[in-house]
């Protein structure tokens, strides 16, 4: 995925934070321009939108 480095001083990571396990309920699918996608909670979705250039975010249906 097209991950951009952190934009604020002190907010840089040496690993892919988007692929870390999360205990929160998945609420969205985030897809990059190459078609790679991941499911994420609300907080990780917001983080992905900031880091992935032209990300497409799709809410997951919850019944």
N, C-alpha and C. Protein backbone atom coordinates (compact mmCIF):
# COMPACT_ATOMS: atom_id res chain seq x y z
N UNK A 1 0.85 -1.17 0.00
CA UNK A 1 0.00 0.00 0.00
C UNK A 1 0.89 1.23 0.00
N UNK A 2 0.41 2.31 -0.55
CA UNK A 2 1.19 3.55 -0.62
C UNK A 2 1.17 4.31 0.69
N UNK A 3 1.94 3.85 1.65
CA UNK A 3 1.96 4.47 2.98
C UNK A 3 2.94 5.63 2.99
N UNK A 4 2.45 6.80 3.41
CA UNK A 4 3.33 7.97 3.55
C UNK A 4 3.88 8.01 4.96
N UNK A 5 5.10 8.50 5.15
CA UNK A 5 5.64 8.60 6.51
C UNK A 5 4.83 9.61 7.33
N UNK A 6 4.92 9.49 8.67
CA UNK A 6 4.25 10.44 9.55
C UNK A 6 4.61 11.86 9.19
N UNK A 7 3.66 12.78 9.32
CA UNK A 7 3.88 14.15 8.87
C UNK A 7 4.27 15.10 10.00
N UNK A 8 4.09 14.67 11.24
CA UNK A 8 4.44 15.53 12.36
C UNK A 8 5.73 15.04 13.00
N UNK A 9 6.57 15.95 13.46
CA UNK A 9 7.79 15.52 14.16
C UNK A 9 7.45 14.61 15.33
N UNK A 10 8.21 13.56 15.49
CA UNK A 10 7.96 12.63 16.58
C UNK A 10 6.91 11.58 16.27
N UNK A 11 6.28 11.65 15.11
CA UNK A 11 5.25 10.69 14.74
C UNK A 11 5.68 9.87 13.53
N UNK A 12 6.78 9.19 13.66
CA UNK A 12 7.28 8.32 12.60
C UNK A 12 7.47 6.92 13.17
N UNK A 13 7.12 5.92 12.36
CA UNK A 13 7.21 4.55 12.81
C UNK A 13 8.06 3.75 11.83
N UNK A 14 8.74 2.76 12.34
CA UNK A 14 9.61 1.93 11.51
C UNK A 14 8.92 0.63 11.11
N UNK A 15 7.61 0.55 11.34
CA UNK A 15 6.84 -0.64 10.99
C UNK A 15 5.49 -0.20 10.42
N UNK A 16 4.79 -1.12 9.79
CA UNK A 16 3.50 -0.83 9.18
C UNK A 16 2.41 -0.88 10.25
N UNK A 17 2.06 0.26 10.80
CA UNK A 17 1.06 0.33 11.87
C UNK A 17 -0.31 -0.13 11.41
N UNK A 18 -0.60 -0.01 10.12
CA UNK A 18 -1.92 -0.39 9.62
C UNK A 18 -2.17 -1.89 9.67
N UNK A 19 -1.11 -2.67 9.72
CA UNK A 19 -1.26 -4.13 9.74
C UNK A 19 -1.17 -4.72 11.15
N UNK A 20 -1.14 -3.89 12.17
CA UNK A 20 -1.08 -4.38 13.54
C UNK A 20 -2.46 -4.86 13.99
N UNK A 21 -2.51 -5.92 14.81
CA UNK A 21 -3.79 -6.43 15.30
C UNK A 21 -4.53 -5.37 16.12
N UNK A 22 -5.83 -5.39 16.05
CA UNK A 22 -6.65 -4.43 16.80
C UNK A 22 -7.83 -5.19 17.40
N UNK A 23 -8.15 -4.90 18.64
CA UNK A 23 -9.24 -5.58 19.33
C UNK A 23 -10.60 -4.92 19.07
N UNK A 24 -10.61 -3.77 18.41
CA UNK A 24 -11.86 -3.05 18.15
C UNK A 24 -12.63 -3.67 16.98
N UNK A 25 -13.92 -3.42 16.93
CA UNK A 25 -14.78 -3.92 15.86
C UNK A 25 -14.39 -3.28 14.53
N UNK A 26 -14.21 -4.10 13.50
CA UNK A 26 -13.92 -3.57 12.16
C UNK A 26 -15.17 -2.86 11.64
N UNK A 27 -14.99 -1.64 11.13
CA UNK A 27 -16.12 -0.84 10.67
C UNK A 27 -16.02 -0.43 9.21
N UNK A 28 -14.82 -0.53 8.61
CA UNK A 28 -14.62 -0.06 7.24
C UNK A 28 -13.63 -0.94 6.49
N UNK A 29 -13.72 -0.89 5.17
CA UNK A 29 -12.68 -1.43 4.30
C UNK A 29 -11.96 -0.24 3.70
N UNK A 30 -10.63 -0.26 3.75
CA UNK A 30 -9.81 0.80 3.18
C UNK A 30 -9.05 0.20 1.99
N UNK A 31 -9.17 0.83 0.82
CA UNK A 31 -8.54 0.31 -0.39
C UNK A 31 -7.65 1.38 -1.00
N UNK A 32 -6.44 0.98 -1.43
CA UNK A 32 -5.55 1.93 -2.09
C UNK A 32 -5.76 1.88 -3.61
N UNK A 33 -5.05 2.73 -4.34
CA UNK A 33 -5.24 2.83 -5.79
C UNK A 33 -4.79 1.59 -6.54
N UNK A 34 -3.97 0.74 -5.92
CA UNK A 34 -3.52 -0.51 -6.56
C UNK A 34 -4.51 -1.65 -6.31
N UNK A 35 -5.52 -1.40 -5.46
CA UNK A 35 -6.52 -2.42 -5.17
C UNK A 35 -6.27 -3.21 -3.91
N UNK A 36 -5.16 -2.97 -3.22
CA UNK A 36 -4.89 -3.64 -1.94
C UNK A 36 -5.85 -3.07 -0.90
N UNK A 37 -6.38 -3.92 -0.04
CA UNK A 37 -7.34 -3.43 0.94
C UNK A 37 -7.13 -4.09 2.29
N UNK A 38 -7.72 -3.46 3.31
CA UNK A 38 -7.71 -4.00 4.67
C UNK A 38 -8.99 -3.58 5.35
N UNK A 39 -9.41 -4.34 6.34
CA UNK A 39 -10.54 -3.94 7.16
C UNK A 39 -9.98 -3.31 8.42
N UNK A 40 -10.67 -2.30 8.94
CA UNK A 40 -10.14 -1.56 10.07
C UNK A 40 -11.26 -1.01 10.95
N UNK A 41 -10.91 -0.75 12.20
CA UNK A 41 -11.83 -0.07 13.11
C UNK A 41 -11.88 1.41 12.72
N UNK A 42 -12.73 2.16 13.39
CA UNK A 42 -12.89 3.58 13.07
C UNK A 42 -11.59 4.36 13.23
N UNK A 43 -10.85 4.12 14.30
CA UNK A 43 -9.61 4.85 14.55
C UNK A 43 -8.54 4.49 13.53
N UNK A 44 -8.38 3.20 13.24
CA UNK A 44 -7.38 2.80 12.25
C UNK A 44 -7.79 3.27 10.84
N UNK A 45 -9.08 3.35 10.58
CA UNK A 45 -9.54 3.87 9.29
C UNK A 45 -9.13 5.33 9.14
N UNK A 46 -9.32 6.12 10.18
CA UNK A 46 -8.93 7.54 10.14
C UNK A 46 -7.42 7.67 9.93
N UNK A 47 -6.65 6.82 10.59
CA UNK A 47 -5.19 6.83 10.43
C UNK A 47 -4.81 6.45 9.00
N UNK A 48 -5.47 5.43 8.46
CA UNK A 48 -5.20 4.99 7.09
C UNK A 48 -5.51 6.09 6.08
N UNK A 49 -6.61 6.80 6.29
CA UNK A 49 -6.97 7.89 5.37
C UNK A 49 -5.89 8.97 5.33
N UNK A 50 -5.23 9.19 6.46
CA UNK A 50 -4.16 10.19 6.51
C UNK A 50 -2.88 9.68 5.85
N UNK A 51 -2.66 8.37 5.88
CA UNK A 51 -1.38 7.82 5.42
C UNK A 51 -1.41 7.24 4.01
N UNK A 52 -2.58 6.85 3.52
CA UNK A 52 -2.66 6.22 2.20
C UNK A 52 -3.17 7.22 1.18
N UNK A 53 -2.36 7.49 0.18
CA UNK A 53 -2.72 8.44 -0.86
C UNK A 53 -3.95 7.96 -1.62
N UNK A 54 -4.97 8.81 -1.71
CA UNK A 54 -6.22 8.53 -2.43
C UNK A 54 -6.89 7.23 -1.99
N UNK A 55 -6.92 7.00 -0.70
CA UNK A 55 -7.59 5.81 -0.17
C UNK A 55 -9.10 5.91 -0.40
N UNK A 56 -9.71 4.75 -0.68
CA UNK A 56 -11.16 4.67 -0.77
C UNK A 56 -11.64 3.96 0.49
N UNK A 57 -12.59 4.58 1.19
CA UNK A 57 -13.10 4.03 2.45
C UNK A 57 -14.55 3.62 2.24
N UNK A 58 -14.85 2.36 2.58
CA UNK A 58 -16.20 1.84 2.44
C UNK A 58 -16.67 1.29 3.78
N UNK A 59 -17.80 1.81 4.30
CA UNK A 59 -18.32 1.26 5.56
C UNK A 59 -18.72 -0.20 5.38
N UNK A 60 -18.48 -1.01 6.41
CA UNK A 60 -18.91 -2.41 6.39
C UNK A 60 -20.36 -2.48 6.83
N UNK A 61 -21.14 -3.37 6.22
CA UNK A 61 -22.52 -3.56 6.69
C UNK A 61 -22.51 -4.31 8.02
N UNK A 62 -23.24 -3.83 8.98
CA UNK A 62 -23.36 -4.50 10.29
C UNK A 62 -24.83 -4.76 10.52
N UNK A 63 -25.16 -6.00 10.84
CA UNK A 63 -26.55 -6.34 11.01
C UNK A 63 -26.84 -6.63 12.40
